[in-house]
Protein backbone atom coordinates (compact mmCIF):
# COMPACT_ATOMS: atom_id res chain seq x y z
CA MET A 1 0.48 0.28 0.17
CA PRO A 2 1.21 3.13 -0.56
CA ALA A 3 2.49 5.40 1.64
CA GLY A 4 -0.15 8.50 0.80
CA SER A 5 -2.95 5.84 0.98
CA PHE A 6 -2.76 4.49 4.52
CA ARG A 7 -6.71 5.22 6.65
CA PHE A 8 -6.35 4.73 10.08
CA PRO A 9 -10.27 4.29 10.03
CA LEU A 10 -11.52 3.22 13.16
CA PHE A 11 -14.29 5.55 14.19
CA SER A 12 -15.95 4.34 10.73
CA GLN A 13 -18.23 2.68 11.30
CA THR A 14 -18.69 3.56 15.31
CA SER A 15 -22.38 5.25 15.98
CA PHE A 16 -22.91 8.97 17.90
CA ALA A 17 -23.65 7.46 20.66
CA ALA A 18 -20.30 5.86 21.43
CA GLN A 19 -18.24 8.18 19.79
CA VAL A 20 -19.61 11.41 22.02
CA ALA A 21 -18.46 8.65 24.97
CA ILE A 22 -15.39 8.21 23.85
CA LEU A 23 -14.74 11.73 23.05
CA LEU A 24 -15.89 12.96 26.26
CA ALA A 25 -13.72 9.44 28.17
CA LEU A 26 -11.12 10.82 26.37
CA SER A 27 -10.66 14.46 26.57
CA ALA A 28 -11.81 14.19 30.48
CA PHE A 29 -8.42 11.96 30.79
CA LEU A 30 -6.11 13.45 28.73
CA ILE A 31 -7.14 17.10 30.32
CA THR A 32 -6.76 15.48 34.47
CA VAL A 33 -3.10 14.33 32.48
CA PHE A 34 -2.50 17.80 31.77
CA GLU A 35 -3.47 19.77 35.15
CA PHE A 36 -1.90 17.21 37.14
CA ILE A 37 1.33 17.58 35.23
CA GLN A 38 0.90 21.47 34.93
CA LEU A 39 0.87 21.54 31.29
CA PRO A 40 -0.28 25.21 29.48
CA ALA A 41 -3.13 25.25 28.37
CA ALA A 42 -4.65 22.09 29.98
CA VAL A 43 -8.18 22.11 29.32
CA LEU A 44 -8.12 23.20 25.79
CA LEU A 45 -5.09 21.04 25.00
CA GLY A 46 -6.37 17.73 26.11
CA ALA A 47 -9.38 18.26 23.66
CA VAL A 48 -7.89 19.65 21.26
CA ILE A 49 -5.94 16.22 21.27
CA ALA A 50 -8.88 13.53 22.20
CA SER A 51 -10.84 15.48 19.64
CA MET A 52 -7.79 15.03 16.80
CA PHE A 53 -7.80 11.62 17.61
CA LEU A 54 -11.40 11.15 16.48
CA ALA A 55 -10.88 12.80 12.93
CA ALA A 56 -8.00 10.75 12.25
CA GLY A 57 -9.42 7.44 12.88
CA GLU A 58 -12.63 8.68 10.97
CA GLY A 59 -14.81 9.81 13.42
CA THR A 60 -17.59 11.48 12.23
CA LEU A 61 -18.35 13.84 14.96
CA ARG A 62 -18.58 17.58 14.09
CA MET A 63 -19.27 20.49 16.61
CA PRO A 64 -22.04 23.09 15.30
CA SER A 65 -20.83 26.63 14.56
CA TRP A 66 -22.75 28.53 17.42
CA GLY A 67 -21.05 25.64 19.63
CA LEU A 68 -17.75 27.75 18.59
CA VAL A 69 -19.96 30.85 18.57
CA CYS A 70 -20.64 30.05 22.46
CA ALA A 71 -17.24 30.10 22.81
CA GLN A 72 -16.74 33.25 21.69
CA GLY A 73 -18.73 35.17 23.40
CA ILE A 74 -17.39 33.90 27.12
CA ILE A 75 -13.23 34.01 25.82
CA GLY A 76 -14.60 37.84 25.22
CA CYS A 77 -15.05 38.27 28.46
CA LEU A 78 -12.15 36.63 30.11
CA ILE A 79 -10.86 39.30 27.28
CA ALA A 80 -12.65 41.67 28.90
CA ARG A 81 -11.38 40.43 33.04
CA SER A 82 -8.06 41.84 32.30
CA VAL A 83 -8.63 45.30 31.19
CA SER A 84 -8.61 47.21 34.82
CA GLY A 85 -8.05 50.66 35.98
CA PRO A 86 -4.63 49.83 37.60
CA ILE A 87 -3.80 48.08 34.37
CA LEU A 88 -5.25 50.66 32.03
CA VAL A 89 -2.90 53.67 35.02
CA GLU A 90 0.22 51.22 34.03
CA MET A 91 0.42 51.85 30.64
CA VAL A 92 -0.30 55.76 30.57
CA ARG A 93 1.86 56.05 33.08
CA ASP A 94 5.13 54.20 30.81
CA TRP A 95 3.77 54.42 27.35
CA PRO A 96 7.01 55.50 26.23
CA ILE A 97 7.98 51.57 27.34
CA PHE A 98 5.01 50.33 26.11
CA ILE A 99 5.09 51.81 23.20
CA LEU A 100 8.29 50.53 22.52
CA GLY A 101 8.24 46.95 24.13
CA VAL A 102 4.40 46.07 22.22
CA GLY A 103 5.82 47.74 18.65
CA SER A 104 8.59 45.77 18.92
CA VAL A 105 7.10 42.30 19.23
CA ILE A 106 4.09 42.47 17.34
CA VAL A 107 6.83 43.55 14.60
CA ALA A 108 9.11 40.19 15.07
CA SER A 109 6.11 38.24 14.71
CA VAL A 110 4.96 40.24 11.64
CA VAL A 111 8.09 40.43 10.05
CA LEU A 112 8.53 35.68 10.46
CA GLY A 113 4.89 35.29 9.97
CA LEU A 114 5.76 37.15 6.49
CA ILE A 115 9.03 35.18 6.02
CA LEU A 116 6.58 31.58 6.40
CA THR A 117 3.63 33.18 3.94
CA ARG A 118 6.45 33.57 1.02
CA GLN A 119 8.11 30.56 1.80
CA GLN A 120 4.63 28.98 1.67
CA ILE A 121 5.17 26.97 4.26
CA LEU A 122 1.87 27.25 5.24
CA PRO A 123 -1.43 28.11 3.45
CA GLY A 124 -2.93 31.86 2.84
CA THR A 125 -2.53 34.30 5.98
CA THR A 126 -2.23 30.97 7.84
CA ALA A 127 1.04 31.67 9.31
CA ILE A 128 0.18 35.36 10.20
CA TRP A 129 -2.37 34.94 12.72
CA GLY A 130 -0.18 31.88 13.88
CA SER A 131 2.81 34.18 14.41
CA PHE A 132 0.66 36.80 15.83
CA PRO A 133 1.54 37.16 19.70
CA GLY A 134 -1.79 37.46 22.05
CA ALA A 135 -4.16 35.50 24.10
CA ALA A 136 -4.07 31.84 21.65
CA ALA A 137 -7.45 31.11 22.21
CA ALA A 138 -8.68 33.91 21.05
CA MET A 139 -6.45 34.23 18.19
CA VAL A 140 -7.40 30.93 16.49
CA LEU A 141 -10.85 32.23 16.60
CA MET A 142 -9.93 34.93 15.01
CA SER A 143 -8.17 34.09 12.66
CA ALA A 144 -11.10 31.07 11.27
CA SER A 145 -13.27 34.42 10.53
CA PHE A 146 -10.36 36.06 8.26
CA GLY A 147 -9.82 33.26 6.06
CA ALA A 148 -7.01 31.70 7.73
CA ASP A 149 -7.03 27.56 8.76
CA MET A 150 -7.18 27.67 12.30
CA ARG A 151 -6.41 23.89 12.95
CA LEU A 152 -2.74 24.86 11.63
CA VAL A 153 -3.44 28.72 13.30
CA ALA A 154 -3.86 27.04 16.75
CA PHE A 155 -1.62 24.71 16.12
CA MET A 156 1.74 26.95 15.70
CA HIS A 157 -0.31 28.82 18.86
CA TYR A 158 -0.32 26.22 21.30
CA LEU A 159 3.04 25.06 20.27
CA ARG A 160 5.40 28.40 21.23
CA VAL A 161 2.43 28.48 24.43
CA VAL A 162 4.07 25.27 25.63
CA MET A 163 7.60 26.17 24.87
CA VAL A 164 7.31 29.76 26.13
CA VAL A 165 6.09 29.10 29.17
CA LEU A 166 8.60 26.90 29.56
CA ALA A 167 11.62 29.03 29.14
CA ALA A 168 10.03 31.56 30.85
CA ALA A 169 9.33 29.19 33.98
CA VAL A 170 13.23 28.31 33.63
CA VAL A 171 14.42 31.47 33.60
CA THR A 172 12.45 32.23 36.45
CA ARG A 173 14.50 29.86 38.02
CA ILE A 174 17.54 30.96 37.79
CA PHE A 175 16.13 33.92 38.88
CA VAL A 176 13.97 33.32 41.61
CA THR A 177 13.41 30.56 43.33
CA ILE A 178 10.03 29.41 44.62
CA PRO A 179 8.84 27.76 47.20
CA GLU A 180 7.11 23.82 46.38
CA GLY A 181 3.72 24.60 45.79
CA ALA A 182 3.93 27.77 44.97
CA THR A 183 1.08 26.58 42.41
CA ALA A 184 -1.84 26.25 43.65
CA ALA A 185 -4.45 24.03 41.92
CA THR A 186 -7.86 24.70 40.80
CA VAL A 187 -10.30 25.12 42.13
CA TRP A 188 -13.66 24.39 39.57
CA PHE A 189 -16.59 24.98 42.24
CA PRO A 190 -16.03 28.29 43.70
CA PRO A 191 -18.79 30.52 45.25
CA ILE A 192 -19.58 33.64 43.19
CA ASP A 193 -21.34 36.53 42.76
CA THR A 194 -24.44 35.57 41.68
CA VAL A 195 -25.66 39.32 40.41
CA ALA A 196 -22.37 39.49 38.32
CA PHE A 197 -22.15 36.51 36.47
CA ILE A 198 -25.83 37.01 35.44
CA GLN A 199 -24.20 40.29 34.35
CA THR A 200 -21.37 38.59 32.82
CA LEU A 201 -23.66 35.73 31.15
CA ALA A 202 -25.78 38.64 29.34
CA ILE A 203 -22.78 40.05 27.64
CA ALA A 204 -21.95 36.97 26.52
CA ILE A 205 -25.37 36.76 25.39
CA LEU A 206 -25.62 39.92 23.54
CA GLY A 207 -22.42 38.85 21.76
CA ILE A 208 -23.89 35.42 20.50
CA VAL A 209 -27.03 36.83 19.41
CA VAL A 210 -25.63 40.30 17.81
CA THR A 211 -23.13 37.46 15.91
CA LEU A 212 -25.58 34.75 14.80
CA PHE A 213 -28.40 37.86 13.77
CA PHE A 214 -24.98 39.66 11.94
CA LYS A 215 -23.04 37.31 11.54
CA LEU A 216 -19.71 38.73 11.96
CA PRO A 217 -16.65 37.83 11.88
CA ALA A 218 -15.55 36.99 15.48
CA GLY A 219 -18.22 39.26 16.61
CA GLY A 220 -19.10 36.92 20.04
CA LEU A 221 -15.64 37.16 20.78
CA ILE A 222 -14.77 40.77 19.47
CA PHE A 223 -18.48 42.54 21.11
CA SER A 224 -18.44 40.78 23.95
CA PHE A 225 -15.07 41.97 24.97
CA ALA A 226 -15.69 45.40 23.51
CA VAL A 227 -19.37 46.00 25.96
CA GLY A 228 -17.83 43.55 28.91
CA ALA A 229 -14.32 45.83 28.66
CA VAL A 230 -16.18 49.36 28.40
CA LEU A 231 -19.24 47.82 31.14
CA GLN A 232 -15.85 47.08 33.72
CA THR A 233 -14.19 50.18 33.62
CA VAL A 234 -16.65 52.46 34.48
CA GLY A 235 -17.67 50.39 37.06
CA LEU A 236 -21.22 49.25 35.48
CA VAL A 237 -20.37 44.96 35.81
CA SER A 238 -17.93 43.09 37.16
CA ILE A 239 -16.51 40.21 35.18
CA GLU A 240 -17.29 36.97 36.86
CA LEU A 241 -16.36 33.61 35.54
CA PRO A 242 -15.78 30.57 37.08
CA PRO A 243 -13.30 28.05 36.28
CA TRP A 244 -15.87 25.10 35.55
CA LEU A 245 -17.36 28.39 32.51
CA LEU A 246 -13.73 28.78 31.41
CA ALA A 247 -13.03 24.58 31.14
CA ILE A 248 -16.22 24.32 29.40
CA SER A 249 -15.81 26.81 26.28
CA TYR A 250 -11.98 25.91 26.47
CA VAL A 251 -13.60 22.27 25.93
CA VAL A 252 -15.99 23.42 22.72
CA LEU A 253 -13.21 25.38 21.58
CA GLY A 254 -11.35 22.35 21.36
CA TRP A 255 -13.46 19.97 20.01
CA SER A 256 -14.44 22.70 17.33
CA ILE A 257 -10.24 22.51 16.37
CA GLY A 258 -9.85 18.93 16.90
CA LEU A 259 -12.43 17.18 15.19
CA ARG A 260 -11.62 19.55 11.64
CA PHE A 261 -8.94 17.84 11.75
CA THR A 262 -7.61 15.45 8.40
CA ARG A 263 -5.26 13.08 7.84
CA GLU A 264 -3.66 15.81 5.57
CA ILE A 265 -4.10 18.27 8.01
CA PHE A 266 -2.04 16.60 9.96
CA MET A 267 1.03 15.65 7.97
CA HIS A 268 0.88 19.11 6.57
CA ALA A 269 1.28 20.71 10.02
CA MET A 270 4.03 17.82 10.96
CA ARG A 271 6.25 18.68 7.37
CA ALA A 272 5.77 22.12 8.56
CA LEU A 273 6.72 21.69 11.88
CA PRO A 274 10.42 22.64 12.22
CA ARG A 275 10.27 25.88 10.56
CA VAL A 276 7.37 26.46 12.58
CA MET A 277 10.29 25.62 15.83
CA ALA A 278 12.70 27.75 14.39
CA SER A 279 10.23 30.81 13.40
CA ILE A 280 9.19 30.74 16.88
CA LEU A 281 13.01 30.06 18.67
CA ALA A 282 13.65 33.60 16.60
CA LEU A 283 10.82 34.80 18.37
CA MET A 284 11.90 34.26 21.50
CA ALA A 285 15.01 35.37 20.84
CA LEU A 286 13.95 38.32 19.38
CA CYS A 287 11.94 39.43 22.55
CA GLY A 288 14.28 38.37 24.96
CA ALA A 289 16.39 41.02 23.24
CA MET A 290 14.37 43.45 23.47
CA ALA A 291 14.22 42.85 27.52
CA ALA A 292 17.99 43.52 28.13
CA VAL A 293 17.27 46.07 26.50
CA LEU A 294 14.31 47.42 28.18
CA SER A 295 16.28 46.21 31.82
CA LEU A 296 19.63 47.96 30.47
CA TYR A 297 17.79 51.83 29.03
CA ALA A 298 14.49 51.69 30.89
CA GLY A 299 15.96 50.06 34.25
CA ILE A 300 13.18 47.63 34.88
CA ASP A 301 14.41 44.20 36.14
CA PRO A 302 15.42 41.94 33.95
CA LEU A 303 13.09 38.97 34.05
CA THR A 304 10.13 41.44 34.54
CA ALA A 305 11.12 42.29 31.17
CA TYR A 306 11.87 39.17 29.59
CA LEU A 307 7.98 38.17 31.07
CA ALA A 308 6.35 41.60 29.61
CA THR A 309 8.65 40.82 26.22
CA SER A 310 7.18 36.26 26.17
CA PRO A 311 5.15 36.20 22.89
CA GLY A 312 2.29 34.21 24.61
CA GLY A 313 1.48 32.07 27.22
CA ALA A 314 0.09 34.82 29.36
CA ASP A 315 -1.69 33.57 31.72
CA SER A 316 0.43 31.04 32.97
CA VAL A 317 3.20 33.87 32.37
CA VAL A 318 1.35 35.83 35.18
CA VAL A 319 1.40 33.19 37.37
CA ILE A 320 4.93 32.51 37.04
CA ALA A 321 5.41 36.57 37.13
CA ALA A 322 3.31 36.53 41.06
CA SER A 323 5.55 33.44 42.50
CA GLY A 324 8.85 35.51 41.90
CA ASN A 325 9.37 38.82 42.76
CA VAL A 326 8.60 40.88 40.11
CA ASP A 327 6.41 43.11 39.47
CA ALA A 328 3.47 41.57 38.65
CA PRO A 329 0.97 44.74 37.14
CA PHE A 330 3.70 45.74 34.45
CA VAL A 331 3.82 42.24 33.16
CA MET A 332 0.23 41.90 32.62
CA ALA A 333 -0.20 45.42 31.69
CA MET A 334 2.44 44.78 29.24
CA GLN A 335 0.91 41.48 27.80
CA THR A 336 -2.91 42.31 28.16
CA THR A 337 -1.68 45.63 25.58
CA ARG A 338 0.34 44.07 23.09
CA PHE A 339 -2.91 41.86 23.02
CA LEU A 340 -5.71 44.85 22.17
CA VAL A 341 -3.32 46.25 20.38
CA VAL A 342 -3.28 42.96 17.87
CA LEU A 343 -6.89 42.06 18.31
CA ILE A 344 -7.66 45.53 17.14
CA ILE A 345 -5.00 45.61 14.24
CA GLY A 346 -4.74 42.17 13.84
CA PRO A 347 -7.28 41.44 10.77
CA TRP A 348 -5.90 44.69 8.81
CA LEU A 349 -2.35 43.41 9.59
CA SER A 350 -2.86 40.32 7.80
CA ARG A 351 -4.87 41.69 4.87
CA LEU A 352 -1.54 43.92 4.38
CA VAL A 353 0.96 41.54 4.36
CA ALA A 354 -1.11 39.07 2.59
CA HIS A 355 -1.36 41.54 -0.30
CA TYR A 356 2.51 41.98 0.05
CA SER A 357 3.35 38.22 0.14
CA GLY A 358 0.91 37.51 -3.06
CA VAL A 359 -1.66 35.13 -2.06
CA SER A 360 -5.25 34.98 -1.29
CA ARG A 361 -6.76 34.93 2.49
CA SER A 362 -7.54 31.13 1.51
CA GLY A 363 -4.24 30.35 0.47
CA GLN A 364 -5.27 29.76 -3.29
C-alpha cells in the first residue's frame, strides 16, 4: 500500500453515541493528566488532542458552528476581565516603554509570519495569524473568521505557548527560588457573585446573538470583549467567570479545532514543524533581546522585562510572575496591551501582509 494511501478508519463504523462517549472519556483523561503535570492550557489542549484522535480515526462527529460562537462570547468576557483600572494606569504612566515593547514584538512576529508565508510553508494568512503574539484562544477564533486555517493556527499558537512558558519557568527559576507548592490547584467550583455572574452571561449572550444575527466575523469575541471592557472600566459591571464555565468554553473550542483535523492537515503540520519551531525560537530570541534593551535603558529588572515581552502564554506567564520577585502588574499590563493592539489591527495586518506576500486569504 502506498504511504500516501494509509488510513486509520478506527471510528468510521462507530455509532454516534459511542463516539460521543469516547470523546468525553478521552478528553477527561487527557485534561486530568495535563492538569496534573501543570501543562499550560491543559483543558484546551486535552480537548484538541482527544478530538484530533477521533478525527484521525475517521470519526463523524462535528461541532456545530453555534458552539464555536458561544465559546467566543465567553472568551471575549475573559479578555474583558483583564482590562482593569490599575492596568490602564500602568499603560498611561509608562506609555513610551509600552510603545517600544509592544511595537517591537508585533513587528518581529509579522516579519516571521511573512517569511513563513512567502516560503508557502502554511497556506494563505495562516502563518500570519499563527505568528501573532497574544491570547492563543482569541487568535485561533479570529483567524477562522478571517480566512486562515484555524487548525494550523492552533498548532502554531499552542506549540509556542508550551515553549514560551517552559522557557519562562526556566528563566524564573534561575533568578528566583519558587517555593514548592507555590502554584495552587484549580478550584473548579468556587463561590461566585451571582449578580456579577448574571451580568457576565448577559454580555456573552448579547455578543452571541449579535454574531448569529449579523454574521459578524469573530463577532462573539470582539463584541463581548468591547462591551464587557467598557462596562467594567466605568464600574457598571464586574466580570465573573467561574473556572467550570471557562473549562466548558475551552473544551468546546478544543473540539471545534480538533474535529476539523484530517490526516492531510496533520501531515502538513508535521512537515512544517521544524520551520515553525525555528520561527518560534527566533521570535523568543528577539523578544529576549528586547527585554535586554528594556532592562538596560528603562531600568526594568531583567526578569520583569523578560516575562513582559514573552510572546505568548500570558496567563501562565503572569502566574509565574506572581510567584517571583517581579513587577506582576507591569507584566500583565504589557501582555494585555500587546493583545489589545493585535486584536484591533490583526485583521488589517493579515490582509496587508497577504497582499505583499502575493497570497489570497485562503491561500490560493
